[in-house]
Amino acid sequence: MSVVCILTARKNSKGYPGKNLLEVKGKKLFEWVALEASKSKLIDKFFVNTDSFEIMTKLSELGWNAIPRPEKLAGDKALSEDVFIQSLEWLNENDSSEIHMLVLLMANSPTFTFNEIDKAINILRNYPTYDSAVTVSRYNMWSPVRARRIRADGLLEPFVPLSCFGKMDQFTSGRDSQGDVWFADMGFSVVRAKNLQDIKSGQLPQRWMGQNIYPICHEGGLDLDYPYQVGQIEWWIDNQLKNNGGKSKS
């Protein structure tokens, strides 16, 4: 059962220019991702889908292969799922391996360990009805019950009508009062190849995860999109790595 890793790493970013090449604690952000994934004992091949010569060159030194990214998928409107699909199609045309699983990584999301990747792969091997296993983090402070939007008159209202969440008298201002709230933090997604081949059947908004999604739970994971998140990435590298079975990312 072939397992292939695909790292997506776009050169430019409109929201946070150059984020994938940002240096954090002595390494570029994409390097943290690639170096940790490379330690996996269960991944057979490693590929990077990028339009960045610098990223492609560095990862080739680490033994990664390149998937050329077409111009139409290098802009701000390109979706991650489109890049994943293009990657699988390219591999099916250019690589002789029969791919069963893919480990999907993003260059701005270093908050995972290789042990977690191997755990996720084994879970899918042992539970054939599961479509994917993905990293999630608990952010009870961002519960949808607490979310607001600004109306046309400039005042706040619930982002989603509270009646959608059940009995109104059970809501309180307590952060944990609605139970744990888990977000896919984009550390990694281990998915079956069929998820990308039938993308429309997947659960929104990350359809590549399919329908039956197993959570790999940890704390404080995120994909970096804003400068204020750099401190959290540094905290994760310093603290969470030790608690999740990794000894060093170097």
Protein backbone atom coordinates (compact mmCIF):
# COMPACT_ATOMS: atom_id res chain seq x y z
CA MET A 1 0.00 0.00 0.00
CA SER A 2 1.93 3.02 -1.31
CA VAL A 3 1.94 6.15 0.85
CA VAL A 4 3.02 9.40 -0.82
CA CYS A 5 3.65 12.73 0.88
CA ILE A 6 2.76 15.97 -0.92
CA LEU A 7 3.87 19.33 0.45
CA THR A 8 2.19 22.37 -1.10
CA ALA A 9 4.32 25.50 -1.01
CA ARG A 10 3.28 28.52 -3.03
CA LYS A 11 5.93 31.19 -3.59
CA ASN A 12 3.74 34.24 -3.07
CA SER A 13 1.05 35.02 -0.50
CA LYS A 14 -1.19 38.03 -0.63
CA GLY A 15 -2.26 37.94 3.03
CA TYR A 16 1.23 37.45 4.52
CA PRO A 17 3.84 37.94 1.79
CA GLY A 18 6.67 35.41 1.91
CA LYS A 19 5.24 33.44 4.84
CA ASN A 20 6.43 30.05 3.56
CA LEU A 21 10.00 31.41 3.40
CA LEU A 22 9.77 33.08 6.80
CA GLU A 23 12.63 32.19 9.13
CA VAL A 24 11.44 30.85 12.48
CA LYS A 25 13.94 29.73 15.12
CA GLY A 26 16.75 29.29 12.61
CA LYS A 27 14.91 27.58 9.76
CA LYS A 28 12.52 28.55 7.01
CA LEU A 29 8.93 27.63 7.75
CA PHE A 30 8.74 25.09 4.90
CA GLU A 31 11.95 23.46 6.18
CA TRP A 32 10.38 22.72 9.58
CA VAL A 33 7.53 20.98 7.78
CA ALA A 34 9.72 18.95 5.42
CA LEU A 35 12.33 17.91 7.98
CA GLU A 36 9.73 16.58 10.40
CA ALA A 37 7.74 14.70 7.74
CA SER A 38 10.96 13.15 6.40
CA LYS A 39 11.34 11.24 9.68
CA SER A 40 8.21 9.20 9.03
CA LYS A 41 8.86 5.47 8.87
CA LEU A 42 5.76 4.77 6.78
CA ILE A 43 5.93 7.29 3.90
CA ASP A 44 7.32 5.78 0.70
CA LYS A 45 7.94 8.90 -1.42
CA PHE A 46 8.11 12.66 -0.86
CA PHE A 47 7.02 15.37 -3.31
CA VAL A 48 6.70 19.15 -3.19
CA ASN A 49 4.22 21.04 -5.37
CA THR A 50 5.60 24.55 -5.71
CA ASP A 51 6.32 27.46 -8.02
CA SER A 52 9.28 28.55 -5.85
CA PHE A 53 12.77 27.79 -7.17
CA GLU A 54 14.23 28.28 -3.67
CA ILE A 55 11.86 25.78 -2.06
CA MET A 56 12.27 23.28 -4.90
CA THR A 57 16.08 23.51 -4.73
CA LYS A 58 16.27 23.10 -0.96
CA LEU A 59 13.93 20.14 -0.84
CA SER A 60 15.69 18.40 -3.71
CA GLU A 61 18.78 18.44 -1.47
CA LEU A 62 16.71 16.58 1.12
CA GLY A 63 15.66 13.94 -1.41
CA TRP A 64 12.23 15.33 -2.25
CA ASN A 65 10.93 15.29 -5.82
CA ALA A 66 9.18 18.22 -7.51
CA ILE A 67 5.69 18.44 -8.96
CA PRO A 68 5.51 21.48 -11.25
CA ARG A 69 2.69 23.84 -10.35
CA PRO A 70 0.82 25.37 -13.30
CA GLU A 71 0.39 29.12 -13.35
CA LYS A 72 -3.38 28.87 -12.86
CA LEU A 73 -2.79 27.26 -9.44
CA ALA A 74 -0.18 29.79 -8.30
CA GLY A 75 -2.56 32.70 -7.73
CA ASP A 76 -4.59 33.86 -4.73
CA LYS A 77 -7.80 32.21 -5.92
CA ALA A 78 -6.34 28.70 -6.17
CA LEU A 79 -7.79 26.27 -3.62
CA SER A 80 -5.74 23.71 -1.72
CA GLU A 81 -8.00 20.94 -2.98
CA ASP A 82 -7.25 21.93 -6.59
CA VAL A 83 -3.51 21.67 -5.91
CA PHE A 84 -3.94 18.27 -4.24
CA ILE A 85 -5.97 16.98 -7.19
CA GLN A 86 -3.46 18.31 -9.72
CA SER A 87 -0.66 16.64 -7.72
CA LEU A 88 -2.37 13.24 -7.76
CA GLU A 89 -3.14 13.51 -11.46
CA TRP A 90 0.50 14.38 -12.17
CA LEU A 91 1.71 11.45 -10.09
CA ASN A 92 -0.63 9.04 -11.85
CA GLU A 93 0.82 10.18 -15.18
CA ASN A 94 4.49 10.36 -14.17
CA ASP A 95 5.06 7.87 -11.37
CA SER A 96 4.67 4.13 -11.63
CA SER A 97 3.54 3.57 -8.04
CA GLU A 98 -0.08 2.75 -7.28
CA ILE A 99 -1.00 5.33 -4.67
CA HIS A 100 -3.35 4.34 -1.87
CA MET A 101 -2.77 7.11 0.69
CA LEU A 102 -1.48 10.65 0.62
CA VAL A 103 0.01 12.69 3.44
CA LEU A 104 -0.98 16.27 2.61
CA LEU A 105 1.13 19.06 4.10
CA MET A 106 1.14 22.84 3.85
CA ALA A 107 4.37 24.83 4.02
CA ASN A 108 2.96 27.25 6.61
CA SER A 109 1.84 24.51 9.03
CA PRO A 110 4.73 22.95 10.99
CA THR A 111 2.64 22.00 14.04
CA PHE A 112 2.84 18.19 13.91
CA THR A 113 5.27 15.37 14.60
CA PHE A 114 6.29 12.42 12.44
CA ASN A 115 4.95 10.08 15.12
CA GLU A 116 1.51 11.59 14.59
CA ILE A 117 1.79 11.01 10.84
CA ASP A 118 2.68 7.35 11.36
CA LYS A 119 -0.17 6.98 13.85
CA ALA A 120 -2.61 8.41 11.29
CA ILE A 121 -1.37 6.09 8.54
CA ASN A 122 -1.77 3.05 10.78
CA ILE A 123 -5.29 4.12 11.75
CA LEU A 124 -6.35 4.18 8.10
CA ARG A 125 -4.72 0.81 7.53
CA ASN A 126 -6.61 -0.69 10.46
CA TYR A 127 -9.97 0.97 9.81
CA PRO A 128 -10.85 0.70 6.11
CA THR A 129 -14.10 2.67 6.52
CA TYR A 130 -12.22 5.79 7.62
CA ASP A 131 -11.55 8.26 4.81
CA SER A 132 -8.86 10.30 6.54
CA ALA A 133 -7.03 11.11 9.76
CA VAL A 134 -6.23 14.78 10.36
CA THR A 135 -4.71 16.96 13.05
CA VAL A 136 -7.14 19.00 15.11
CA SER A 137 -6.72 21.49 17.95
CA ARG A 138 -9.18 22.49 20.64
CA TYR A 139 -10.17 26.15 20.51
CA ASN A 140 -13.19 26.52 22.78
CA MET A 141 -12.82 30.29 22.75
CA TRP A 142 -13.73 30.25 19.05
CA SER A 143 -16.96 28.27 19.46
CA PRO A 144 -19.48 29.07 16.69
CA VAL A 145 -21.90 30.03 19.47
CA ARG A 146 -19.61 32.96 20.31
CA ALA A 147 -19.07 34.07 16.70
CA ARG A 148 -20.49 37.43 15.57
CA ARG A 149 -20.84 39.40 12.36
CA ILE A 150 -21.24 43.13 11.83
CA ARG A 151 -24.61 44.01 10.32
CA ALA A 152 -25.26 46.69 7.73
CA ASP A 153 -26.19 49.10 10.53
CA GLY A 154 -22.78 48.60 12.17
CA LEU A 155 -24.03 46.53 15.13
CA LEU A 156 -23.27 42.92 16.05
CA GLU A 157 -25.44 39.85 15.61
CA PRO A 158 -24.72 36.08 15.89
CA PHE A 159 -22.81 34.79 12.88
CA VAL A 160 -25.05 31.72 12.88
CA PRO A 161 -28.58 31.92 14.39
CA LEU A 162 -28.28 30.53 17.92
CA SER A 163 -31.46 28.51 17.39
CA CYS A 164 -29.38 26.23 15.16
CA PHE A 165 -27.40 25.01 18.17
CA GLY A 166 -30.20 23.67 20.35
CA LYS A 167 -31.85 24.86 23.56
CA MET A 168 -31.29 28.56 24.09
CA ASP A 169 -31.35 28.34 27.90
CA GLN A 170 -28.23 26.14 27.89
CA PHE A 171 -25.97 28.89 26.56
CA THR A 172 -23.72 30.80 28.95
CA SER A 173 -20.75 33.13 28.52
CA GLY A 174 -18.41 30.42 29.78
CA ARG A 175 -15.73 29.50 27.28
CA ASP A 176 -16.23 25.76 27.80
CA SER A 177 -19.98 25.76 28.34
CA GLN A 178 -20.81 24.29 24.92
CA GLY A 179 -18.26 21.49 25.15
CA ASP A 180 -14.99 21.12 23.30
CA VAL A 181 -14.70 22.77 19.90
CA TRP A 182 -12.18 21.15 17.54
CA PHE A 183 -10.74 22.77 14.43
CA ALA A 184 -8.76 21.08 11.67
CA ASP A 185 -5.49 22.94 12.21
CA MET A 186 -3.87 21.93 8.89
CA GLY A 187 -0.84 20.26 10.48
CA PHE A 188 -1.44 17.34 8.11
CA SER A 189 -4.19 15.34 6.46
CA VAL A 190 -3.62 11.65 5.75
CA VAL A 191 -6.23 10.77 3.14
CA ARG A 192 -7.14 7.97 0.81
CA ALA A 193 -6.46 8.65 -2.87
CA LYS A 194 -10.12 8.04 -3.65
CA ASN A 195 -11.03 11.18 -1.68
CA LEU A 196 -9.37 13.33 -4.33
CA GLN A 197 -10.75 11.26 -7.17
CA ASP A 198 -14.29 11.88 -5.87
CA ILE A 199 -13.79 15.30 -4.30
CA LYS A 200 -17.45 16.34 -4.52
CA SER A 201 -18.42 13.63 -2.03
CA GLY A 202 -16.21 15.10 0.70
CA GLN A 203 -17.32 17.05 3.75
CA LEU A 204 -17.12 20.82 3.39
CA PRO A 205 -15.06 22.94 3.71
CA GLN A 206 -12.02 20.64 3.39
CA ARG A 207 -13.48 18.14 0.95
CA TRP A 208 -10.23 16.19 0.54
CA MET A 209 -10.84 14.73 4.02
CA GLY A 210 -13.86 12.72 2.84
CA GLN A 211 -16.75 11.99 5.19
CA ASN A 212 -15.40 9.66 7.90
CA ILE A 213 -12.63 11.74 9.48
CA TYR A 214 -10.54 10.54 12.43
CA PRO A 215 -9.09 13.28 14.68
CA ILE A 216 -5.42 13.36 15.69
CA CYS A 217 -5.83 15.60 18.73
CA HIS A 218 -3.21 17.97 20.08
CA GLU A 219 -2.99 21.52 21.40
CA GLY A 220 -2.13 24.77 19.71
CA GLY A 221 -1.81 23.69 16.08
CA LEU A 222 -2.35 26.22 13.29
CA ASP A 223 -1.46 27.25 9.78
CA LEU A 224 0.37 30.56 9.87
CA ASP A 225 -1.43 33.33 7.96
CA TYR A 226 -0.75 36.45 10.06
CA PRO A 227 2.41 37.90 11.66
CA TYR A 228 0.92 37.70 15.17
CA GLN A 229 0.82 33.89 14.87
CA VAL A 230 4.62 33.57 14.68
CA GLY A 231 4.89 33.47 18.47
CA GLN A 232 2.51 30.53 18.63
CA ILE A 233 4.55 28.64 16.04
CA GLU A 234 7.68 29.25 18.12
CA TRP A 235 5.87 28.07 21.26
CA TRP A 236 4.77 24.90 19.47
CA ILE A 237 8.28 24.10 18.27
CA ASP A 238 9.72 24.67 21.76
CA ASN A 239 7.04 22.91 23.78
CA GLN A 240 4.62 20.69 21.90
CA LEU A 241 7.32 18.83 19.98
CA LYS A 242 8.78 17.53 23.26
CA ASN A 243 5.36 16.43 24.49
CA ASN A 244 4.43 14.64 21.25
CA GLY A 245 7.35 12.30 20.92
CA GLY A 246 9.78 14.28 18.78
CA LYS A 247 13.29 14.92 20.07
CA SER A 248 14.53 17.44 17.57
CA LYS A 249 13.39 18.92 14.29
CA SER A 250 16.93 19.50 13.08
